[in-house]
Amino acid sequence: MNARSADLVAYALLVGAALAGLLLWPALPDSMAIHFGAGGEPDSFVAKPVAVVLAPAIGVGAVLLVRYAPEWASRTRSPDIETLSVVFVGSVIAYVQGFVYAWNLGYRLSIWVVLGPVLLVAAVFVAYTYRGEGTPS
């Protein structure tokens, strides 16, 4: 996947997460849980408009940071790893936003339903990085 395609995928996922919030708007509570403690219970609540926009906006900023951070800030010298990082960041933030919507709609999923797949994919990504480049610089 080239850099432009990866950026489009990441941005599409993040915009999709925001649009999902708009589609779910009538069913979402006015005050939404957006952060959860180690036990899976919410510990931070914000107004619905903030909850729908905040994570996708942070995701766009994170994608821009991964893509355009100065050379010295990069932990890799590989454009392929950078491109995968962009997709990973956009995917994880959109996925977690989906969990936030589900929880606020009354679906009490285990925190491990969210963390398990994210940690597994992160581990595979790190292993791929080491295999492809050796130890990251």
C-alpha atoms as a PDB file:
ATOM      1  CA  MET A   1       0.000   0.000   0.000  1.00  0.00           C
ATOM      2  CA  ASN A   2       1.433   3.378  -0.893  1.00  0.00           C
ATOM      3  CA  ALA A   3       1.519   6.325   1.519  1.00  0.00           C
ATOM      4  CA  ARG A   4      -1.393   8.162  -0.087  1.00  0.00           C
ATOM      5  CA  SER A   5      -3.647   5.097   0.054  1.00  0.00           C
ATOM      6  CA  ALA A   6      -2.702   4.449   3.676  1.00  0.00           C
ATOM      7  CA  ASP A   7      -3.505   8.033   4.619  1.00  0.00           C
ATOM      8  CA  LEU A   8      -6.870   7.788   2.864  1.00  0.00           C
ATOM      9  CA  VAL A   9      -7.684   4.528   4.679  1.00  0.00           C
ATOM     10  CA  ALA A  10      -6.786   6.044   8.060  1.00  0.00           C
ATOM     11  CA  TYR A  11      -8.748   9.245   7.433  1.00  0.00           C
ATOM     12  CA  ALA A  12     -11.732   7.296   6.064  1.00  0.00           C
ATOM     13  CA  LEU A  13     -11.848   5.155   9.213  1.00  0.00           C
ATOM     14  CA  LEU A  14     -11.717   8.233  11.431  1.00  0.00           C
ATOM     15  CA  VAL A  15     -14.347  10.118   9.434  1.00  0.00           C
ATOM     16  CA  GLY A  16     -16.449   6.950   9.469  1.00  0.00           C
ATOM     17  CA  ALA A  17     -16.190   6.843  13.268  1.00  0.00           C
ATOM     18  CA  ALA A  18     -17.424  10.433  13.480  1.00  0.00           C
ATOM     19  CA  LEU A  19     -20.223   9.766  10.984  1.00  0.00           C
ATOM     20  CA  ALA A  20     -21.275   6.704  12.980  1.00  0.00           C
ATOM     21  CA  GLY A  21     -21.638   9.009  15.973  1.00  0.00           C
ATOM     22  CA  LEU A  22     -23.860  11.316  13.966  1.00  0.00           C
ATOM     23  CA  LEU A  23     -26.003   8.377  12.823  1.00  0.00           C
ATOM     24  CA  LEU A  24     -26.273   7.113  16.397  1.00  0.00           C
ATOM     25  CA  TRP A  25     -26.820  10.629  17.789  1.00  0.00           C
ATOM     26  CA  PRO A  26     -30.492  10.208  18.786  1.00  0.00           C
ATOM     27  CA  ALA A  27     -29.729   7.022  20.731  1.00  0.00           C
ATOM     28  CA  LEU A  28     -26.579   8.266  22.492  1.00  0.00           C
ATOM     29  CA  PRO A  29     -26.871   9.785  25.987  1.00  0.00           C
ATOM     30  CA  ASP A  30     -26.225  13.507  26.530  1.00  0.00           C
ATOM     31  CA  SER A  31     -23.258  12.693  28.785  1.00  0.00           C
ATOM     32  CA  MET A  32     -21.009   9.960  27.411  1.00  0.00           C
ATOM     33  CA  ALA A  33     -18.312   7.829  29.012  1.00  0.00           C
ATOM     34  CA  ILE A  34     -15.086   8.206  27.040  1.00  0.00           C
ATOM     35  CA  HIS A  35     -12.447   6.702  29.324  1.00  0.00           C
ATOM     36  CA  PHE A  36     -12.485   3.491  31.309  1.00  0.00           C
ATOM     37  CA  GLY A  37     -10.402   2.375  34.287  1.00  0.00           C
ATOM     38  CA  ALA A  38      -8.568  -0.913  34.686  1.00  0.00           C
ATOM     39  CA  GLY A  39     -11.748  -2.625  35.875  1.00  0.00           C
ATOM     40  CA  GLY A  40     -13.629  -1.548  32.766  1.00  0.00           C
ATOM     41  CA  GLU A  41     -15.786   1.006  34.569  1.00  0.00           C
ATOM     42  CA  PRO A  42     -16.032   4.507  33.087  1.00  0.00           C
ATOM     43  CA  ASP A  43     -14.055   7.192  34.889  1.00  0.00           C
ATOM     44  CA  SER A  44     -14.453  10.153  32.532  1.00  0.00           C
ATOM     45  CA  PHE A  45     -17.607  11.615  31.000  1.00  0.00           C
ATOM     46  CA  VAL A  46     -18.074  14.437  28.469  1.00  0.00           C
ATOM     47  CA  ALA A  47     -20.937  16.017  26.550  1.00  0.00           C
ATOM     48  CA  LYS A  48     -22.164  14.067  23.530  1.00  0.00           C
ATOM     49  CA  PRO A  49     -20.766  16.487  20.888  1.00  0.00           C
ATOM     50  CA  VAL A  50     -17.304  16.254  22.447  1.00  0.00           C
ATOM     51  CA  ALA A  51     -17.501  12.458  22.696  1.00  0.00           C
ATOM     52  CA  VAL A  52     -18.436  12.084  19.030  1.00  0.00           C
ATOM     53  CA  VAL A  53     -15.729  14.432  17.716  1.00  0.00           C
ATOM     54  CA  LEU A  54     -12.827  14.134  20.185  1.00  0.00           C
ATOM     55  CA  ALA A  55     -11.361  10.702  19.358  1.00  0.00           C
ATOM     56  CA  PRO A  56     -11.599  11.105  15.567  1.00  0.00           C
ATOM     57  CA  ALA A  57      -9.996  14.562  15.852  1.00  0.00           C
ATOM     58  CA  ILE A  58      -7.192  13.172  18.012  1.00  0.00           C
ATOM     59  CA  GLY A  59      -6.843  10.374  15.458  1.00  0.00           C
ATOM     60  CA  VAL A  60      -6.402  12.829  12.590  1.00  0.00           C
ATOM     61  CA  GLY A  61      -3.761  14.658  14.626  1.00  0.00           C
ATOM     62  CA  ALA A  62      -1.993  11.390  15.439  1.00  0.00           C
ATOM     63  CA  VAL A  63      -1.978  10.318  11.779  1.00  0.00           C
ATOM     64  CA  LEU A  64      -0.538  13.696  10.791  1.00  0.00           C
ATOM     65  CA  LEU A  65       2.089  13.378  13.514  1.00  0.00           C
ATOM     66  CA  VAL A  66       3.111   9.876  12.426  1.00  0.00           C
ATOM     67  CA  ARG A  67       3.273  10.928   8.793  1.00  0.00           C
ATOM     68  CA  TYR A  68       4.920  14.339   9.106  1.00  0.00           C
ATOM     69  CA  ALA A  69       6.935  14.239  12.336  1.00  0.00           C
ATOM     70  CA  PRO A  70      10.531  15.364  11.940  1.00  0.00           C
ATOM     71  CA  GLU A  71      13.089  12.713  10.999  1.00  0.00           C
ATOM     72  CA  TRP A  72      14.669  12.812  14.451  1.00  0.00           C
ATOM     73  CA  ALA A  73      11.329  11.901  16.068  1.00  0.00           C
ATOM     74  CA  SER A  74      10.904   8.772  13.953  1.00  0.00           C
ATOM     75  CA  ARG A  75      11.717   5.377  15.441  1.00  0.00           C
ATOM     76  CA  THR A  76      12.032   3.858  11.979  1.00  0.00           C
ATOM     77  CA  ARG A  77      13.732   4.721   8.745  1.00  0.00           C
ATOM     78  CA  SER A  78      11.382   2.602   6.665  1.00  0.00           C
ATOM     79  CA  PRO A  79       8.590   4.247   4.657  1.00  0.00           C
ATOM     80  CA  ASP A  80       6.707   0.921   4.720  1.00  0.00           C
ATOM     81  CA  ILE A  81       6.676   0.818   8.519  1.00  0.00           C
ATOM     82  CA  GLU A  82       5.593   4.461   8.631  1.00  0.00           C
ATOM     83  CA  THR A  83       2.744   3.674   6.240  1.00  0.00           C
ATOM     84  CA  LEU A  84       1.629   0.700   8.346  1.00  0.00           C
ATOM     85  CA  SER A  85       1.840   2.900  11.443  1.00  0.00           C
ATOM     86  CA  VAL A  86      -0.548   5.402   9.870  1.00  0.00           C
ATOM     87  CA  VAL A  87      -3.119   2.679   9.156  1.00  0.00           C
ATOM     88  CA  PHE A  88      -2.618   1.149  12.617  1.00  0.00           C
ATOM     89  CA  VAL A  89      -3.189   4.467  14.409  1.00  0.00           C
ATOM     90  CA  GLY A  90      -6.307   5.302  12.399  1.00  0.00           C
ATOM     91  CA  SER A  91      -7.683   1.780  12.818  1.00  0.00           C
ATOM     92  CA  VAL A  92      -7.140   1.576  16.567  1.00  0.00           C
ATOM     93  CA  ILE A  93      -8.703   4.959  17.283  1.00  0.00           C
ATOM     94  CA  ALA A  94     -11.737   4.207  15.090  1.00  0.00           C
ATOM     95  CA  TYR A  95     -12.084   0.759  16.715  1.00  0.00           C
ATOM     96  CA  VAL A  96     -11.940   2.200  20.230  1.00  0.00           C
ATOM     97  CA  GLN A  97     -14.482   4.875  19.258  1.00  0.00           C
ATOM     98  CA  GLY A  98     -16.788   2.030  18.244  1.00  0.00           C
ATOM     99  CA  PHE A  99     -16.394   0.555  21.729  1.00  0.00           C
ATOM    100  CA  VAL A 100     -17.227   3.955  23.261  1.00  0.00           C
ATOM    101  CA  TYR A 101     -20.431   4.105  21.219  1.00  0.00           C
ATOM    102  CA  ALA A 102     -21.353   0.520  22.135  1.00  0.00           C
ATOM    103  CA  TRP A 103     -20.798   1.102  25.847  1.00  0.00           C
ATOM    104  CA  ASN A 104     -22.842   4.303  25.820  1.00  0.00           C
ATOM    105  CA  LEU A 105     -25.652   2.487  24.011  1.00  0.00           C
ATOM    106  CA  GLY A 106     -25.836  -0.021  26.857  1.00  0.00           C
ATOM    107  CA  TYR A 107     -23.641  -2.846  25.568  1.00  0.00           C
ATOM    108  CA  ARG A 108     -21.386  -3.732  28.499  1.00  0.00           C
ATOM    109  CA  LEU A 109     -18.486  -5.401  26.748  1.00  0.00           C
ATOM    110  CA  SER A 110     -15.423  -6.551  28.636  1.00  0.00           C
ATOM    111  CA  ILE A 111     -12.512  -4.173  28.318  1.00  0.00           C
ATOM    112  CA  TRP A 112     -10.559  -7.174  26.997  1.00  0.00           C
ATOM    113  CA  VAL A 113     -12.848  -7.311  23.974  1.00  0.00           C
ATOM    114  CA  VAL A 114     -11.227  -4.005  23.038  1.00  0.00           C
ATOM    115  CA  LEU A 115      -7.729  -4.423  24.444  1.00  0.00           C
ATOM    116  CA  GLY A 116      -7.169  -8.035  23.386  1.00  0.00           C
ATOM    117  CA  PRO A 117      -7.306  -7.491  19.614  1.00  0.00           C
ATOM    118  CA  VAL A 118      -5.447  -4.163  19.847  1.00  0.00           C
ATOM    119  CA  LEU A 119      -2.615  -5.701  21.872  1.00  0.00           C
ATOM    120  CA  LEU A 120      -2.444  -8.718  19.564  1.00  0.00           C
ATOM    121  CA  VAL A 121      -2.215  -6.560  16.432  1.00  0.00           C
ATOM    122  CA  ALA A 122       0.320  -4.282  18.145  1.00  0.00           C
ATOM    123  CA  ALA A 123       2.484  -7.301  19.019  1.00  0.00           C
ATOM    124  CA  VAL A 124       2.327  -8.577  15.435  1.00  0.00           C
ATOM    125  CA  PHE A 125       3.182  -5.090  14.176  1.00  0.00           C
ATOM    126  CA  VAL A 126       6.209  -4.830  16.497  1.00  0.00           C
ATOM    127  CA  ALA A 127       7.385  -8.309  15.453  1.00  0.00           C
ATOM    128  CA  TYR A 128       7.026  -7.330  11.797  1.00  0.00           C
ATOM    129  CA  THR A 129       9.007  -4.146  12.433  1.00  0.00           C
ATOM    130  CA  TYR A 130      11.852  -6.088  14.037  1.00  0.00           C
ATOM    131  CA  ARG A 131      11.806  -8.719  11.297  1.00  0.00           C
ATOM    132  CA  GLY A 132      11.801  -6.137   8.529  1.00  0.00           C
ATOM    133  CA  GLU A 133      14.393  -3.759   9.947  1.00  0.00           C
ATOM    134  CA  GLY A 134      16.199  -5.419  12.780  1.00  0.00           C
ATOM    135  CA  THR A 135      16.104  -3.466  16.020  1.00  0.00           C
ATOM    136  CA  PRO A 136      14.288  -0.145  15.505  1.00  0.00           C
ATOM    137  CA  SER A 137      16.636   2.800  15.864  1.00  0.00           C
END
